[in-house]
Amino acid sequence: MTSKDSKGRKKSGGVTGLIVFVVFLGVIYIGWRLYKTGALFDQSDLSGQFEIQVNEILSNHQITEKDILKEVRIERKKKFPIPVLWIETEREIFLSQKIPIETVLKEIKKAAEGMQFKILQQESHHGQIVLEIGKTEQVFQRIVFFMTISKERRVAIVIDDIAGRKTDLEN
């Protein structure tokens, strides 16, 4: 038996109130996440776990810090349609001819599949292989393997004393 108010309408009571309360809590949670991290989904831990796996693979193939030419970590945020935060790691690695690149690539791809990541890009040209791994638009790892590096180093010195005034260009 349902109860009726003074005008004869059915009271829905607790169910509507519960739904409003749950929606209110959801909005509060979303606002708190956005305030604390700037993103609704923080995938920094996920990208960090994958980086650890890549480090282990490189280490197992005797790729050491001296072989890493560049390593940069960048905090990335995607704001639309759902705010997401992650860490993108970019590395440039020199591989000597004794390291089997096919095996290294295969192991990195297997680790990526284990974490449900995709190979977003793989290119090979001019003695280098570029590998990008992540989810849809999010690149978690960008690794550039160089097979050969020129021993010859060059330095360029640029002297620019032209300020852009008309009189500077006339002389």
C-alpha atoms as a PDB file:
ATOM      1  CA  MET A   1       0.000   0.000   0.000  1.00  0.00           C
ATOM      2  CA  THR A   2       1.427   3.422  -0.974  1.00  0.00           C
ATOM      3  CA  SER A   3       0.850   6.536   1.036  1.00  0.00           C
ATOM      4  CA  LYS A   4      -0.712   9.677  -0.401  1.00  0.00           C
ATOM      5  CA  ASP A   5      -0.117  13.328   0.409  1.00  0.00           C
ATOM      6  CA  SER A   6      -2.885  15.835   1.327  1.00  0.00           C
ATOM      7  CA  LYS A   7      -3.788  16.378  -2.374  1.00  0.00           C
ATOM      8  CA  GLY A   8      -4.165  12.668  -3.104  1.00  0.00           C
ATOM      9  CA  ARG A   9      -0.837  12.182  -4.982  1.00  0.00           C
ATOM     10  CA  LYS A  10       1.382   9.142  -4.425  1.00  0.00           C
ATOM     11  CA  LYS A  11       4.549   9.736  -2.410  1.00  0.00           C
ATOM     12  CA  SER A  12       7.685   8.365  -4.072  1.00  0.00           C
ATOM     13  CA  GLY A  13       9.733   9.239  -1.002  1.00  0.00           C
ATOM     14  CA  GLY A  14      13.068   7.512  -0.468  1.00  0.00           C
ATOM     15  CA  VAL A  15      13.962   6.295  -3.981  1.00  0.00           C
ATOM     16  CA  THR A  16      14.071   9.756  -5.550  1.00  0.00           C
ATOM     17  CA  GLY A  17      15.932  11.148  -2.570  1.00  0.00           C
ATOM     18  CA  LEU A  18      18.481   8.330  -2.773  1.00  0.00           C
ATOM     19  CA  ILE A  19      19.058   8.916  -6.493  1.00  0.00           C
ATOM     20  CA  VAL A  20      19.548  12.655  -5.949  1.00  0.00           C
ATOM     21  CA  PHE A  21      21.968  11.939  -3.091  1.00  0.00           C
ATOM     22  CA  VAL A  22      24.047   9.489  -5.178  1.00  0.00           C
ATOM     23  CA  VAL A  23      24.204  11.944  -8.097  1.00  0.00           C
ATOM     24  CA  PHE A  24      25.235  14.694  -5.667  1.00  0.00           C
ATOM     25  CA  LEU A  25      28.047  12.517  -4.265  1.00  0.00           C
ATOM     26  CA  GLY A  26      29.199  11.716  -7.811  1.00  0.00           C
ATOM     27  CA  VAL A  27      29.398  15.407  -8.712  1.00  0.00           C
ATOM     28  CA  ILE A  28      31.334  16.120  -5.498  1.00  0.00           C
ATOM     29  CA  TYR A  29      33.790  13.296  -6.283  1.00  0.00           C
ATOM     30  CA  ILE A  30      34.352  14.487  -9.860  1.00  0.00           C
ATOM     31  CA  GLY A  31      34.939  18.044  -8.643  1.00  0.00           C
ATOM     32  CA  TRP A  32      37.399  16.835  -5.994  1.00  0.00           C
ATOM     33  CA  ARG A  33      39.367  14.732  -8.542  1.00  0.00           C
ATOM     34  CA  LEU A  34      39.545  17.637 -10.963  1.00  0.00           C
ATOM     35  CA  TYR A  35      40.669  19.986  -8.175  1.00  0.00           C
ATOM     36  CA  LYS A  36      43.359  17.620  -6.820  1.00  0.00           C
ATOM     37  CA  THR A  37      44.901  16.285 -10.035  1.00  0.00           C
ATOM     38  CA  GLY A  38      43.453  18.366 -12.832  1.00  0.00           C
ATOM     39  CA  ALA A  39      42.089  15.145 -14.320  1.00  0.00           C
ATOM     40  CA  LEU A  40      39.282  12.727 -13.708  1.00  0.00           C
ATOM     41  CA  PHE A  41      41.472   9.734 -14.542  1.00  0.00           C
ATOM     42  CA  ASP A  42      45.085   9.697 -13.345  1.00  0.00           C
ATOM     43  CA  GLN A  43      47.075   7.124 -15.307  1.00  0.00           C
ATOM     44  CA  SER A  44      50.478   8.162 -13.959  1.00  0.00           C
ATOM     45  CA  ASP A  45      50.828   4.911 -12.004  1.00  0.00           C
ATOM     46  CA  LEU A  46      49.947   2.886 -15.090  1.00  0.00           C
ATOM     47  CA  SER A  47      52.534   4.666 -17.233  1.00  0.00           C
ATOM     48  CA  GLY A  48      55.074   4.265 -14.405  1.00  0.00           C
ATOM     49  CA  GLN A  49      54.442   0.509 -14.206  1.00  0.00           C
ATOM     50  CA  PHE A  50      55.034   0.178 -17.931  1.00  0.00           C
ATOM     51  CA  GLU A  51      58.218   2.246 -17.703  1.00  0.00           C
ATOM     52  CA  ILE A  52      59.526  -0.165 -15.042  1.00  0.00           C
ATOM     53  CA  GLN A  53      58.856  -3.101 -17.368  1.00  0.00           C
ATOM     54  CA  VAL A  54      60.662  -1.374 -20.251  1.00  0.00           C
ATOM     55  CA  ASN A  55      63.609  -0.608 -17.946  1.00  0.00           C
ATOM     56  CA  GLU A  56      63.838  -4.309 -17.015  1.00  0.00           C
ATOM     57  CA  ILE A  57      63.774  -5.362 -20.673  1.00  0.00           C
ATOM     58  CA  LEU A  58      66.520  -2.887 -21.561  1.00  0.00           C
ATOM     59  CA  SER A  59      68.582  -3.974 -18.567  1.00  0.00           C
ATOM     60  CA  ASN A  60      68.191  -7.666 -19.475  1.00  0.00           C
ATOM     61  CA  HIS A  61      69.771  -6.872 -22.852  1.00  0.00           C
ATOM     62  CA  GLN A  62      72.707  -5.011 -21.266  1.00  0.00           C
ATOM     63  CA  ILE A  63      71.438  -1.606 -22.390  1.00  0.00           C
ATOM     64  CA  THR A  64      72.824   0.714 -19.732  1.00  0.00           C
ATOM     65  CA  GLU A  65      72.627   4.419 -18.953  1.00  0.00           C
ATOM     66  CA  LYS A  66      75.636   5.098 -21.175  1.00  0.00           C
ATOM     67  CA  ASP A  67      73.616   3.789 -24.144  1.00  0.00           C
ATOM     68  CA  ILE A  68      70.735   6.172 -23.412  1.00  0.00           C
ATOM     69  CA  LEU A  69      71.356   9.400 -25.290  1.00  0.00           C
ATOM     70  CA  LYS A  70      68.238  11.187 -24.066  1.00  0.00           C
ATOM     71  CA  GLU A  71      65.507  10.473 -21.530  1.00  0.00           C
ATOM     72  CA  VAL A  72      62.675  12.890 -20.838  1.00  0.00           C
ATOM     73  CA  ARG A  73      59.498  12.468 -18.791  1.00  0.00           C
ATOM     74  CA  ILE A  74      56.605  14.796 -19.532  1.00  0.00           C
ATOM     75  CA  GLU A  75      53.350  15.083 -17.597  1.00  0.00           C
ATOM     76  CA  ARG A  76      50.546  15.132 -20.140  1.00  0.00           C
ATOM     77  CA  LYS A  77      46.899  16.105 -19.730  1.00  0.00           C
ATOM     78  CA  LYS A  78      43.989  15.594 -22.047  1.00  0.00           C
ATOM     79  CA  LYS A  79      41.052  17.787 -21.086  1.00  0.00           C
ATOM     80  CA  PHE A  80      38.324  16.832 -23.545  1.00  0.00           C
ATOM     81  CA  PRO A  81      36.040  14.866 -23.538  1.00  0.00           C
ATOM     82  CA  ILE A  82      37.181  13.295 -20.239  1.00  0.00           C
ATOM     83  CA  PRO A  83      40.160  14.820 -18.381  1.00  0.00           C
ATOM     84  CA  VAL A  84      43.055  12.326 -18.198  1.00  0.00           C
ATOM     85  CA  LEU A  85      46.565  12.661 -16.741  1.00  0.00           C
ATOM     86  CA  TRP A  86      49.563  10.451 -17.640  1.00  0.00           C
ATOM     87  CA  ILE A  87      53.365  10.497 -17.913  1.00  0.00           C
ATOM     88  CA  GLU A  88      54.993  10.244 -21.333  1.00  0.00           C
ATOM     89  CA  THR A  89      58.573   8.979 -21.408  1.00  0.00           C
ATOM     90  CA  GLU A  90      60.730   9.694 -24.440  1.00  0.00           C
ATOM     91  CA  ARG A  91      64.071   7.935 -24.869  1.00  0.00           C
ATOM     92  CA  GLU A  92      66.772   7.864 -27.482  1.00  0.00           C
ATOM     93  CA  ILE A  93      68.915   4.757 -27.213  1.00  0.00           C
ATOM     94  CA  PHE A  94      72.052   3.735 -29.093  1.00  0.00           C
ATOM     95  CA  LEU A  95      72.185   0.013 -29.822  1.00  0.00           C
ATOM     96  CA  SER A  96      75.433  -1.642 -30.738  1.00  0.00           C
ATOM     97  CA  GLN A  97      75.328  -4.326 -33.394  1.00  0.00           C
ATOM     98  CA  LYS A  98      75.669  -7.079 -30.780  1.00  0.00           C
ATOM     99  CA  ILE A  99      72.207  -6.335 -29.301  1.00  0.00           C
ATOM    100  CA  PRO A 100      69.388  -8.081 -31.213  1.00  0.00           C
ATOM    101  CA  ILE A 101      66.889  -5.283 -31.854  1.00  0.00           C
ATOM    102  CA  GLU A 102      64.174  -7.716 -33.005  1.00  0.00           C
ATOM    103  CA  THR A 103      64.241  -9.462 -29.620  1.00  0.00           C
ATOM    104  CA  VAL A 104      64.137  -6.163 -27.703  1.00  0.00           C
ATOM    105  CA  LEU A 105      61.186  -4.942 -29.780  1.00  0.00           C
ATOM    106  CA  LYS A 106      59.349  -8.240 -29.378  1.00  0.00           C
ATOM    107  CA  GLU A 107      59.702  -8.161 -25.581  1.00  0.00           C
ATOM    108  CA  ILE A 108      58.598  -4.524 -25.331  1.00  0.00           C
ATOM    109  CA  LYS A 109      55.550  -5.265 -27.510  1.00  0.00           C
ATOM    110  CA  LYS A 110      54.693  -8.304 -25.373  1.00  0.00           C
ATOM    111  CA  ALA A 111      54.875  -6.181 -22.196  1.00  0.00           C
ATOM    112  CA  ALA A 112      52.651  -3.579 -23.872  1.00  0.00           C
ATOM    113  CA  GLU A 113      50.063  -6.196 -24.808  1.00  0.00           C
ATOM    114  CA  GLY A 114      50.126  -7.501 -21.230  1.00  0.00           C
ATOM    115  CA  MET A 115      49.076  -4.051 -20.033  1.00  0.00           C
ATOM    116  CA  GLN A 116      46.529  -3.731 -22.866  1.00  0.00           C
ATOM    117  CA  PHE A 117      48.515  -1.005 -24.630  1.00  0.00           C
ATOM    118  CA  LYS A 118      48.778  -0.658 -28.376  1.00  0.00           C
ATOM    119  CA  ILE A 119      51.654  -0.016 -30.728  1.00  0.00           C
ATOM    120  CA  LEU A 120      50.653   3.439 -31.932  1.00  0.00           C
ATOM    121  CA  GLN A 121      53.569   3.845 -34.319  1.00  0.00           C
ATOM    122  CA  GLN A 122      56.563   1.869 -35.499  1.00  0.00           C
ATOM    123  CA  GLU A 123      58.819   3.309 -38.172  1.00  0.00           C
ATOM    124  CA  SER A 124      62.211   2.298 -39.420  1.00  0.00           C
ATOM    125  CA  HIS A 125      64.395   4.625 -41.464  1.00  0.00           C
ATOM    126  CA  HIS A 126      68.015   5.784 -41.796  1.00  0.00           C
ATOM    127  CA  GLY A 127      69.447   3.509 -39.123  1.00  0.00           C
ATOM    128  CA  GLN A 128      66.802   4.230 -36.520  1.00  0.00           C
ATOM    129  CA  ILE A 129      63.582   2.663 -35.270  1.00  0.00           C
ATOM    130  CA  VAL A 130      60.849   4.763 -33.669  1.00  0.00           C
ATOM    131  CA  LEU A 131      58.389   2.965 -31.400  1.00  0.00           C
ATOM    132  CA  GLU A 132      55.375   4.640 -29.748  1.00  0.00           C
ATOM    133  CA  ILE A 133      53.275   2.713 -27.251  1.00  0.00           C
ATOM    134  CA  GLY A 134      50.140   3.801 -25.419  1.00  0.00           C
ATOM    135  CA  LYS A 135      46.374   4.022 -25.541  1.00  0.00           C
ATOM    136  CA  THR A 136      44.571   5.735 -28.433  1.00  0.00           C
ATOM    137  CA  GLU A 137      45.898   9.310 -28.244  1.00  0.00           C
ATOM    138  CA  GLN A 138      48.021   8.813 -25.112  1.00  0.00           C
ATOM    139  CA  VAL A 139      51.659   7.962 -25.764  1.00  0.00           C
ATOM    140  CA  PHE A 140      53.193   6.381 -22.654  1.00  0.00           C
ATOM    141  CA  GLN A 141      56.554   5.432 -24.201  1.00  0.00           C
ATOM    142  CA  ARG A 142      58.312   6.862 -27.243  1.00  0.00           C
ATOM    143  CA  ILE A 143      61.568   5.047 -27.866  1.00  0.00           C
ATOM    144  CA  VAL A 144      63.990   5.849 -30.672  1.00  0.00           C
ATOM    145  CA  PHE A 145      66.639   3.192 -31.244  1.00  0.00           C
ATOM    146  CA  PHE A 146      69.723   4.359 -33.162  1.00  0.00           C
ATOM    147  CA  MET A 147      71.732   1.622 -34.842  1.00  0.00           C
ATOM    148  CA  THR A 148      74.577   3.872 -35.954  1.00  0.00           C
ATOM    149  CA  ILE A 149      75.769   7.209 -34.691  1.00  0.00           C
ATOM    150  CA  SER A 150      78.355   9.319 -36.404  1.00  0.00           C
ATOM    151  CA  LYS A 151      81.517   9.637 -34.339  1.00  0.00           C
ATOM    152  CA  GLU A 152      82.072  13.025 -35.895  1.00  0.00           C
ATOM    153  CA  ARG A 153      80.638  15.823 -33.761  1.00  0.00           C
ATOM    154  CA  ARG A 154      79.876  19.223 -35.179  1.00  0.00           C
ATOM    155  CA  VAL A 155      79.349  22.538 -33.487  1.00  0.00           C
ATOM    156  CA  ALA A 156      77.584  25.495 -35.044  1.00  0.00           C
ATOM    157  CA  ILE A 157      77.966  29.005 -33.675  1.00  0.00           C
ATOM    158  CA  VAL A 158      75.334  31.503 -34.729  1.00  0.00           C
ATOM    159  CA  ILE A 159      76.021  35.191 -34.164  1.00  0.00           C
ATOM    160  CA  ASP A 160      72.915  37.270 -34.633  1.00  0.00           C
ATOM    161  CA  ASP A 161      73.428  40.958 -33.979  1.00  0.00           C
ATOM    162  CA  ILE A 162      70.733  42.259 -36.335  1.00  0.00           C
ATOM    163  CA  ALA A 163      67.996  43.836 -34.263  1.00  0.00           C
ATOM    164  CA  GLY A 164      65.543  44.173 -37.106  1.00  0.00           C
ATOM    165  CA  ARG A 165      65.901  47.919 -37.610  1.00  0.00           C
ATOM    166  CA  LYS A 166      65.993  49.259 -41.128  1.00  0.00           C
ATOM    167  CA  THR A 167      69.420  50.851 -40.591  1.00  0.00           C
ATOM    168  CA  ASP A 168      70.907  47.487 -39.513  1.00  0.00           C
ATOM    169  CA  LEU A 169      70.021  45.940 -42.842  1.00  0.00           C
ATOM    170  CA  GLU A 170      71.394  48.802 -44.967  1.00  0.00           C
ATOM    171  CA  ASN A 171      75.053  48.398 -43.907  1.00  0.00           C
END
